[in-house]
Amino acid sequence: MTDTTDRTDLPDSSDSPDSPDAGEQGRRRRRLTAWKKSGRILARASAESTLGERLTALAADAGSAYDLDEWADVYGDGVVAELERRVARTLGLEAAAFFPTGTMAQQVALRCWAGRTGNATVALHPLSHPEVHEGGALAAVSGLRTVHPTHAPRLPTADEIRAFDEPFGTLMLELPLRDAGFVLPSWEELTAAVDAARERDAVVHFDGARLWECAPHFGRTLPEIAELADSVYVSFYKSLDAMSGAALAGPASLIAEARTWRHRYGGQVFQQFPAALSALLGLERELPRLPEYVAHAKVVAAALADGFRAAGVPWFRVHPEPPHTHQFQVWLPYPAEVLTEAAVRQAEETGVTLFRRWFADTPPGLAVTEVTVASPGLEWTREDVRAAVADFTGRLAR
């Protein structure tokens, strides 16, 4: 996969109507409007709400997760400290530290491990988030070097880790590997990979931005998964639909050092209560429902494949099939702009959002989109999905 675009339609710094990308921003706002008005949709993200809607919802709901009569946080105390305690308890680890971004959390984690192991080389997948979506920050900011035990569209195997021809201090495993299709190894493959790294005297760090939804695939609890690694990063705004933020969890001594580096990296923010409150709500409301989302994603994926076959689409791929989490990829042999336009028109004209934005990818002539199944998607039956596919594919011939 060569397209390194972060495949979302969330707001970014080019949102100004006066920016050079104002045309694309207009198209994005058209998509957001169509999705917002859709009566049937597979997932809704809180970032697609207006500022007023988001603030109103947070004020109305946050009291169920934290006492709103408590004082606002200052440099990480109060509600932020409570969030850290709950994350550590949920993952079964000694301690956790809140970070404003996952990029910063992993920078700090990998830098700390480099200092402790004496080896600044990090083994990871070339499709992992630090390699694809962070502008070379590991090398440019933290002085780390990366190597790739495999280029296959999956995490490295134990044999590949053992056979890799140079030393590394840390093995980073992204669970799931998002840009390869939200793919996960089996539990046996994961434990074998961890054991292989330890045989080489390397520590193991999990990029668990989406770790929350991995438990059903592995058939293990979150603490059982997390205890395999020496440190774990988790995100709050992805699967838990919080405003922002991340946490780094692991041994108390590592987290104490990470707090020092967090301050050096500019992450010691004066007040973070909106993000912390929304993260606590995510832990309370979304985390328990993720297994249900994962199970229904398998239903949706199978129905999509049935719909494409019934529509006579010349080629398609639902990947992985069945999905490993509540997110997966769909590939079709049409230009990305044609598929995106058909998806938007379907939402505008029928109130049904089946797909969102599509992206060109290799080989030429193919496009890919990511499908997420969350609470709204639970209402979709197999027949609902097949009917939506028939309508969508019919628009491709117009």
Protein backbone atom coordinates (compact mmCIF):
# COMPACT_ATOMS: atom_id res chain seq x y z
CA MET A 1 0.00 0.00 0.00
CA THR A 2 1.67 3.22 -1.07
CA ASP A 3 -0.94 5.87 -0.27
CA THR A 4 0.13 7.37 3.06
CA THR A 5 -2.93 9.57 3.55
CA ASP A 6 -4.55 9.21 6.95
CA ARG A 7 -7.88 7.83 5.83
CA THR A 8 -10.30 9.99 7.76
CA ASP A 9 -12.60 12.91 7.13
CA LEU A 10 -11.89 14.59 10.45
CA PRO A 11 -11.14 18.32 10.60
CA ASP A 12 -7.55 19.43 10.11
CA SER A 13 -5.49 22.60 9.98
CA SER A 14 -6.49 23.32 6.37
CA ASP A 15 -10.17 23.80 7.27
CA SER A 16 -10.11 27.54 6.58
CA PRO A 17 -12.20 28.48 3.52
CA ASP A 18 -9.30 30.70 2.48
CA SER A 19 -6.77 27.87 2.45
CA PRO A 20 -5.37 26.43 -0.81
CA ASP A 21 -7.38 23.28 -0.06
CA ALA A 22 -10.67 25.16 0.27
CA GLY A 23 -12.15 23.15 -2.63
CA GLU A 24 -11.46 19.87 -0.87
CA GLN A 25 -12.74 21.33 2.40
CA GLY A 26 -15.99 22.17 0.67
CA ARG A 27 -16.27 18.59 -0.55
CA ARG A 28 -15.48 17.32 2.93
CA ARG A 29 -18.19 19.48 4.46
CA ARG A 30 -20.62 18.14 1.89
CA ARG A 31 -19.75 14.61 3.02
CA LEU A 32 -20.07 15.50 6.70
CA THR A 33 -23.47 17.07 6.09
CA ALA A 34 -24.70 14.02 4.19
CA TRP A 35 -23.52 11.64 6.91
CA LYS A 36 -25.02 13.76 9.67
CA LYS A 37 -28.43 13.74 7.98
CA SER A 38 -28.34 10.00 7.29
CA GLY A 39 -30.97 8.04 9.15
CA ARG A 40 -29.06 4.80 8.62
CA ILE A 41 -25.29 4.68 9.08
CA LEU A 42 -22.80 2.08 10.30
CA ALA A 43 -20.93 4.36 12.73
CA ARG A 44 -20.99 7.95 13.89
CA ALA A 45 -17.93 9.80 15.19
CA SER A 46 -18.29 12.54 17.78
CA ALA A 47 -15.84 14.66 15.79
CA GLU A 48 -18.55 14.99 13.15
CA SER A 49 -20.69 16.99 15.60
CA THR A 50 -20.75 20.75 15.86
CA LEU A 51 -18.95 22.46 18.73
CA GLY A 52 -22.23 23.22 20.45
CA GLU A 53 -23.47 19.64 20.13
CA ARG A 54 -20.21 18.23 21.45
CA LEU A 55 -20.07 20.56 24.46
CA THR A 56 -23.73 20.02 25.28
CA ALA A 57 -23.36 16.24 25.18
CA LEU A 58 -20.24 16.29 27.33
CA ALA A 59 -21.88 18.53 29.94
CA ALA A 60 -24.98 16.33 30.00
CA ASP A 61 -23.19 12.99 30.23
CA ALA A 62 -19.89 13.49 32.06
CA GLY A 63 -21.47 13.40 35.51
CA SER A 64 -22.01 9.66 35.18
CA ALA A 65 -18.25 9.11 34.89
CA TYR A 66 -16.82 11.71 37.32
CA ASP A 67 -17.96 14.10 40.03
CA LEU A 68 -18.41 17.44 38.29
CA ASP A 69 -18.32 19.27 41.61
CA GLU A 70 -14.59 18.47 41.83
CA TRP A 71 -12.11 21.20 40.89
CA ALA A 72 -10.72 21.36 37.36
CA ASP A 73 -7.39 19.62 36.79
CA VAL A 74 -4.09 21.48 36.90
CA TYR A 75 -1.09 19.93 35.14
CA GLY A 76 -2.41 16.39 35.40
CA ASP A 77 -4.10 16.09 38.77
CA GLY A 78 -7.81 15.60 39.49
CA VAL A 79 -9.79 14.05 36.67
CA VAL A 80 -6.64 13.35 34.63
CA ALA A 81 -5.10 11.39 37.50
CA GLU A 82 -8.34 9.46 37.92
CA LEU A 83 -8.32 8.57 34.23
CA GLU A 84 -4.74 7.32 34.55
CA ARG A 85 -5.72 5.12 37.49
CA ARG A 86 -8.67 3.64 35.61
CA VAL A 87 -6.58 2.90 32.52
CA ALA A 88 -3.90 1.13 34.57
CA ARG A 89 -6.59 -0.89 36.35
CA THR A 90 -8.39 -1.76 33.11
CA LEU A 91 -5.16 -3.00 31.51
CA GLY A 92 -3.92 -4.70 34.66
CA LEU A 93 -0.66 -2.71 34.64
CA GLU A 94 1.11 -0.84 37.43
CA ALA A 95 0.70 2.72 36.20
CA ALA A 96 -0.39 4.91 33.31
CA ALA A 97 0.30 8.46 32.15
CA PHE A 98 -2.04 10.63 30.08
CA PHE A 99 -0.64 12.18 26.88
CA PRO A 100 -2.28 14.72 24.57
CA THR A 101 -1.42 12.56 21.52
CA GLY A 102 -0.50 9.00 20.78
CA THR A 103 2.43 10.17 18.67
CA MET A 104 3.95 11.79 21.74
CA ALA A 105 3.18 8.81 23.97
CA GLN A 106 5.02 6.42 21.67
CA GLN A 107 7.91 8.80 21.09
CA VAL A 108 8.42 8.89 24.84
CA ALA A 109 7.97 5.14 25.34
CA LEU A 110 10.44 4.18 22.63
CA ARG A 111 12.93 6.83 23.73
CA CYS A 112 12.79 5.57 27.32
CA TRP A 113 13.34 1.99 26.22
CA ALA A 114 16.26 3.02 24.00
CA GLY A 115 17.92 4.57 27.03
CA ARG A 116 17.27 1.54 29.20
CA THR A 117 18.38 -1.07 26.66
CA GLY A 118 21.27 0.94 25.26
CA ASN A 119 19.98 0.28 21.73
CA ALA A 120 18.18 3.03 19.78
CA THR A 121 16.97 0.67 17.03
CA VAL A 122 13.25 -0.12 16.96
CA ALA A 123 11.93 -3.08 14.98
CA LEU A 124 8.45 -2.45 13.62
CA HIS A 125 6.29 -2.94 10.54
CA PRO A 126 6.76 -0.53 7.60
CA LEU A 127 2.98 0.07 7.62
CA SER A 128 2.93 0.95 11.32
CA HIS A 129 1.71 4.38 12.39
CA PRO A 130 5.15 5.90 13.21
CA GLU A 131 6.45 4.94 9.77
CA VAL A 132 3.43 6.09 7.74
CA HIS A 133 1.66 8.89 9.60
CA GLU A 134 4.18 10.74 11.77
CA GLY A 135 6.54 12.45 9.33
CA GLY A 136 9.64 10.51 10.38
CA ALA A 137 9.33 11.77 13.95
CA LEU A 138 11.08 8.81 15.58
CA ALA A 139 14.32 9.70 13.83
CA ALA A 140 13.90 13.48 13.55
CA VAL A 141 12.75 14.14 17.11
CA SER A 142 13.93 11.21 19.20
CA GLY A 143 17.04 10.06 17.38
CA LEU A 144 15.73 6.52 16.94
CA ARG A 145 16.36 4.21 14.03
CA THR A 146 13.77 1.79 12.64
CA VAL A 147 14.14 -1.58 10.96
CA HIS A 148 11.56 -3.92 9.43
CA PRO A 149 11.60 -7.67 10.19
CA THR A 150 8.95 -8.21 7.48
CA HIS A 151 7.27 -6.38 4.61
CA ALA A 152 4.36 -8.80 4.38
CA PRO A 153 0.94 -7.20 5.11
CA ARG A 154 0.84 -8.67 8.62
CA LEU A 155 2.83 -8.49 11.80
CA PRO A 156 6.21 -10.27 11.86
CA THR A 157 6.33 -13.92 12.82
CA ALA A 158 8.54 -15.40 15.52
CA ASP A 159 10.81 -16.92 12.86
CA GLU A 160 11.23 -13.55 11.14
CA ILE A 161 12.07 -11.89 14.43
CA ARG A 162 14.64 -14.55 15.32
CA ALA A 163 16.20 -14.50 11.85
CA PHE A 164 16.47 -10.72 11.53
CA ASP A 165 20.11 -9.93 10.81
CA GLU A 166 20.85 -7.06 13.20
CA PRO A 167 20.17 -6.26 16.84
CA PHE A 168 17.32 -4.05 18.02
CA GLY A 169 16.42 -2.80 21.47
CA THR A 170 12.63 -2.71 21.12
CA LEU A 171 10.06 -4.62 19.09
CA MET A 172 6.94 -2.53 18.47
CA LEU A 173 3.79 -4.39 17.46
CA GLU A 174 0.73 -2.43 16.28
CA LEU A 175 -2.43 -4.22 17.39
CA PRO A 176 -4.29 -4.28 15.07
CA LEU A 177 -2.09 -3.28 12.11
CA ARG A 178 -4.43 -0.63 10.71
CA ASP A 179 -2.95 0.08 7.27
CA ALA A 180 -2.80 -3.61 6.43
CA GLY A 181 -6.54 -3.91 7.07
CA PHE A 182 -6.85 -3.88 10.87
CA VAL A 183 -5.25 -7.31 10.94
CA LEU A 184 -4.21 -9.28 14.02
CA PRO A 185 -2.13 -12.41 14.50
CA SER A 186 -3.52 -15.38 16.37
CA TRP A 187 -2.89 -15.53 20.11
CA GLU A 188 -0.31 -18.24 19.55
CA GLU A 189 1.46 -16.16 16.89
CA LEU A 190 1.47 -13.10 19.13
CA THR A 191 2.92 -14.90 22.15
CA ALA A 192 5.53 -16.59 19.95
CA ALA A 193 6.58 -13.21 18.50
CA VAL A 194 6.93 -11.74 21.99
CA ASP A 195 8.97 -14.73 23.13
CA ALA A 196 11.24 -14.41 20.08
CA ALA A 197 11.94 -10.76 20.88
CA ARG A 198 12.77 -11.62 24.48
CA GLU A 199 15.17 -14.31 23.27
CA ARG A 200 17.04 -11.47 21.57
CA ASP A 201 17.06 -9.40 24.81
CA ALA A 202 14.65 -6.88 23.29
CA VAL A 203 11.72 -5.27 25.08
CA VAL A 204 8.24 -5.32 23.55
CA HIS A 205 5.99 -2.28 23.14
CA PHE A 206 2.40 -2.54 21.92
CA ASP A 207 1.01 0.25 19.76
CA GLY A 208 -2.48 -0.36 21.08
CA ALA A 209 -4.26 2.66 19.63
CA ARG A 210 -7.08 0.19 18.93
CA LEU A 211 -6.17 -2.43 21.53
CA TRP A 212 -9.56 -2.05 23.18
CA GLU A 213 -11.32 -4.09 20.49
CA CYS A 214 -8.72 -6.87 20.18
CA ALA A 215 -9.94 -9.03 23.07
CA PRO A 216 -12.64 -10.93 21.12
CA HIS A 217 -10.20 -12.00 18.41
CA PHE A 218 -7.64 -13.25 20.89
CA GLY A 219 -10.19 -14.75 23.25
CA ARG A 220 -8.31 -13.11 26.12
CA THR A 221 -8.96 -10.24 28.52
CA LEU A 222 -7.29 -6.86 28.12
CA PRO A 223 -4.97 -7.52 31.11
CA GLU A 224 -3.93 -10.86 29.59
CA ILE A 225 -3.04 -9.11 26.33
CA ALA A 226 -1.32 -6.13 27.95
CA GLU A 227 0.83 -8.24 30.28
CA LEU A 228 2.63 -9.71 27.27
CA ALA A 229 4.29 -6.35 26.60
CA ASP A 230 6.73 -4.21 28.57
CA SER A 231 4.63 -1.12 27.75
CA VAL A 232 1.35 -0.37 26.01
CA TYR A 233 -0.04 2.76 24.38
CA VAL A 234 -3.82 3.17 24.02
CA SER A 235 -5.86 5.87 22.31
CA PHE A 236 -9.06 7.41 23.63
CA TYR A 237 -10.47 9.15 20.57
CA LYS A 238 -10.53 6.17 18.20
CA SER A 239 -12.53 3.20 19.44
CA LEU A 240 -13.71 4.96 22.62
CA ASP A 241 -14.82 8.09 20.68
CA ALA A 242 -13.35 10.55 23.18
CA MET A 243 -12.32 14.08 22.21
CA SER A 244 -8.60 13.36 22.16
CA GLY A 245 -5.75 11.95 24.17
CA ALA A 246 -3.85 8.76 24.83
CA ALA A 247 -2.19 6.89 27.65
CA LEU A 248 1.07 5.05 28.09
CA ALA A 249 0.89 2.18 30.58
CA GLY A 250 3.48 -0.12 32.07
CA PRO A 251 5.79 -0.52 35.07
CA ALA A 252 5.67 2.32 37.60
CA SER A 253 9.34 3.17 37.09
CA LEU A 254 8.90 3.51 33.33
CA ILE A 255 5.80 5.67 33.70
CA ALA A 256 7.61 7.95 36.18
CA GLU A 257 10.37 8.46 33.62
CA ALA A 258 7.77 8.95 30.88
CA ARG A 259 6.18 11.77 32.85
CA THR A 260 9.51 13.60 32.85
CA TRP A 261 9.85 13.20 29.10
CA ARG A 262 6.21 14.18 28.60
CA HIS A 263 7.03 17.55 30.13
CA ARG A 264 10.13 17.92 27.94
CA TYR A 265 8.12 17.12 24.84
CA GLY A 266 5.53 19.79 25.68
CA GLY A 267 2.81 17.43 26.85
CA GLN A 268 2.38 18.80 30.38
CA VAL A 269 -0.80 20.68 29.51
CA PHE A 270 -2.35 23.06 32.07
CA GLN A 271 -5.91 21.72 31.85
CA GLN A 272 -7.18 18.69 29.96
CA PHE A 273 -10.50 17.99 31.65
CA PRO A 274 -12.66 17.92 28.48
CA ALA A 275 -10.49 15.20 26.95
CA ALA A 276 -10.20 13.33 30.24
CA LEU A 277 -13.93 13.43 30.93
CA SER A 278 -14.76 12.21 27.44
CA ALA A 279 -12.20 9.41 27.82
CA LEU A 280 -13.79 8.31 31.09
CA LEU A 281 -17.16 8.27 29.30
CA GLY A 282 -15.64 6.13 26.56
CA LEU A 283 -14.32 3.62 29.10
CA GLU A 284 -17.73 3.53 30.74
CA ARG A 285 -19.94 3.39 27.65
CA GLU A 286 -18.05 2.26 24.55
CA LEU A 287 -15.54 -0.22 25.94
CA PRO A 288 -18.19 -2.71 27.16
CA ARG A 289 -19.92 -2.60 23.76
CA LEU A 290 -16.88 -3.23 21.57
CA PRO A 291 -17.29 -7.04 21.56
CA GLU A 292 -20.81 -6.52 20.21
CA TYR A 293 -19.46 -4.25 17.48
CA VAL A 294 -16.78 -6.78 16.56
CA ALA A 295 -19.33 -9.57 16.27
CA HIS A 296 -21.68 -7.53 14.09
CA ALA A 297 -18.82 -6.38 11.83
CA LYS A 298 -18.55 -10.00 10.72
CA VAL A 299 -22.24 -9.96 9.76
CA VAL A 300 -21.85 -6.70 7.85
CA ALA A 301 -18.69 -7.86 6.04
CA ALA A 302 -20.31 -11.11 4.90
CA ALA A 303 -23.41 -9.26 3.70
CA LEU A 304 -21.26 -6.78 1.77
CA ALA A 305 -19.57 -9.66 -0.05
CA ASP A 306 -22.97 -11.23 -0.81
CA GLY A 307 -24.20 -7.89 -2.13
CA PHE A 308 -21.23 -7.38 -4.43
CA ARG A 309 -21.61 -10.89 -5.84
CA ALA A 310 -25.32 -10.39 -6.42
CA ALA A 311 -24.66 -7.07 -8.14
CA GLY A 312 -22.16 -8.66 -10.53
CA VAL A 313 -19.28 -6.40 -9.49
CA PRO A 314 -16.33 -7.53 -11.65
CA TRP A 315 -13.94 -7.76 -8.69
CA PHE A 316 -14.03 -6.87 -5.02
CA ARG A 317 -12.32 -7.68 -1.78
CA VAL A 318 -13.49 -7.48 1.81
CA HIS A 319 -10.36 -7.69 3.95
CA PRO A 320 -9.84 -9.44 6.27
CA GLU A 321 -12.72 -11.82 5.84
CA PRO A 322 -14.01 -12.23 8.46
CA PRO A 323 -12.83 -8.99 10.13
CA HIS A 324 -10.53 -9.29 13.14
CA THR A 325 -12.03 -6.21 14.85
CA HIS A 326 -15.02 -3.93 14.22
CA GLN A 327 -13.11 -2.27 11.35
CA PHE A 328 -12.06 -3.66 7.99
CA GLN A 329 -11.24 -2.68 4.40
CA VAL A 330 -13.26 -2.90 1.20
CA TRP A 331 -11.58 -2.78 -2.22
CA LEU A 332 -13.30 -2.10 -5.56
CA PRO A 333 -11.98 -1.65 -9.14
CA TYR A 334 -13.20 1.90 -9.74
CA PRO A 335 -11.63 5.36 -9.39
CA ALA A 336 -11.73 6.63 -5.82
CA GLU A 337 -13.51 9.84 -6.81
CA VAL A 338 -16.27 7.88 -8.56
CA LEU A 339 -16.85 5.69 -5.50
CA THR A 340 -16.79 8.64 -3.11
CA GLU A 341 -19.30 10.56 -5.23
CA ALA A 342 -21.60 7.54 -5.40
CA ALA A 343 -21.38 7.14 -1.61
CA VAL A 344 -22.20 10.81 -0.98
CA ARG A 345 -25.11 10.80 -3.42
CA GLN A 346 -26.51 7.67 -1.80
CA ALA A 347 -26.40 9.38 1.60
CA GLU A 348 -27.92 12.61 0.27
CA GLU A 349 -30.69 10.98 -1.75
CA THR A 350 -31.64 7.98 0.41
CA GLY A 351 -30.48 8.86 3.92
CA VAL A 352 -28.33 5.73 3.94
CA THR A 353 -24.55 5.95 4.45
CA LEU A 354 -22.96 2.65 3.51
CA PHE A 355 -19.46 3.87 2.66
CA ARG A 356 -17.60 7.06 3.39
CA ARG A 357 -14.51 8.27 1.57
CA TRP A 358 -12.54 6.11 -0.87
CA PHE A 359 -8.81 6.35 -1.64
CA ALA A 360 -6.75 5.39 -4.67
CA ASP A 361 -4.26 2.63 -4.04
CA THR A 362 -1.94 0.22 -5.76
CA PRO A 363 -2.19 -1.42 -8.20
CA PRO A 364 -3.65 1.38 -10.36
CA GLY A 365 -7.37 1.15 -10.91
CA LEU A 366 -8.25 0.00 -7.40
CA ALA A 367 -9.66 2.03 -4.53
CA VAL A 368 -9.99 1.19 -0.85
CA THR A 369 -12.19 2.38 1.99
CA GLU A 370 -12.37 1.57 5.68
CA VAL A 371 -15.61 0.37 7.24
CA THR A 372 -16.34 0.79 10.94
CA VAL A 373 -19.29 -0.87 12.67
CA ALA A 374 -20.37 0.80 15.91
CA SER A 375 -23.61 1.36 17.77
CA PRO A 376 -25.71 2.64 14.80
CA GLY A 377 -24.52 -0.31 12.72
CA LEU A 378 -26.08 -2.83 15.10
CA GLU A 379 -29.48 -1.94 13.61
CA TRP A 380 -28.43 -3.13 10.16
CA THR A 381 -29.61 -6.59 9.13
CA ARG A 382 -27.95 -8.65 6.41
CA GLU A 383 -30.75 -7.66 4.06
CA ASP A 384 -30.28 -3.98 4.91
CA VAL A 385 -26.63 -4.25 3.92
CA ARG A 386 -27.36 -6.14 0.70
CA ALA A 387 -30.03 -3.60 -0.30
CA ALA A 388 -27.64 -0.72 0.35
CA VAL A 389 -24.97 -2.44 -1.75
CA ALA A 390 -27.44 -2.88 -4.63
CA ASP A 391 -28.31 0.82 -4.52
CA PHE A 392 -24.66 1.87 -4.26
CA THR A 393 -23.41 -0.31 -7.12
CA GLY A 394 -26.33 0.80 -9.28
CA ARG A 395 -25.05 4.36 -9.00
CA LEU A 396 -21.66 3.35 -10.40
CA ALA A 397 -23.18 2.66 -13.81
CA ARG A 398 -24.93 6.04 -14.07
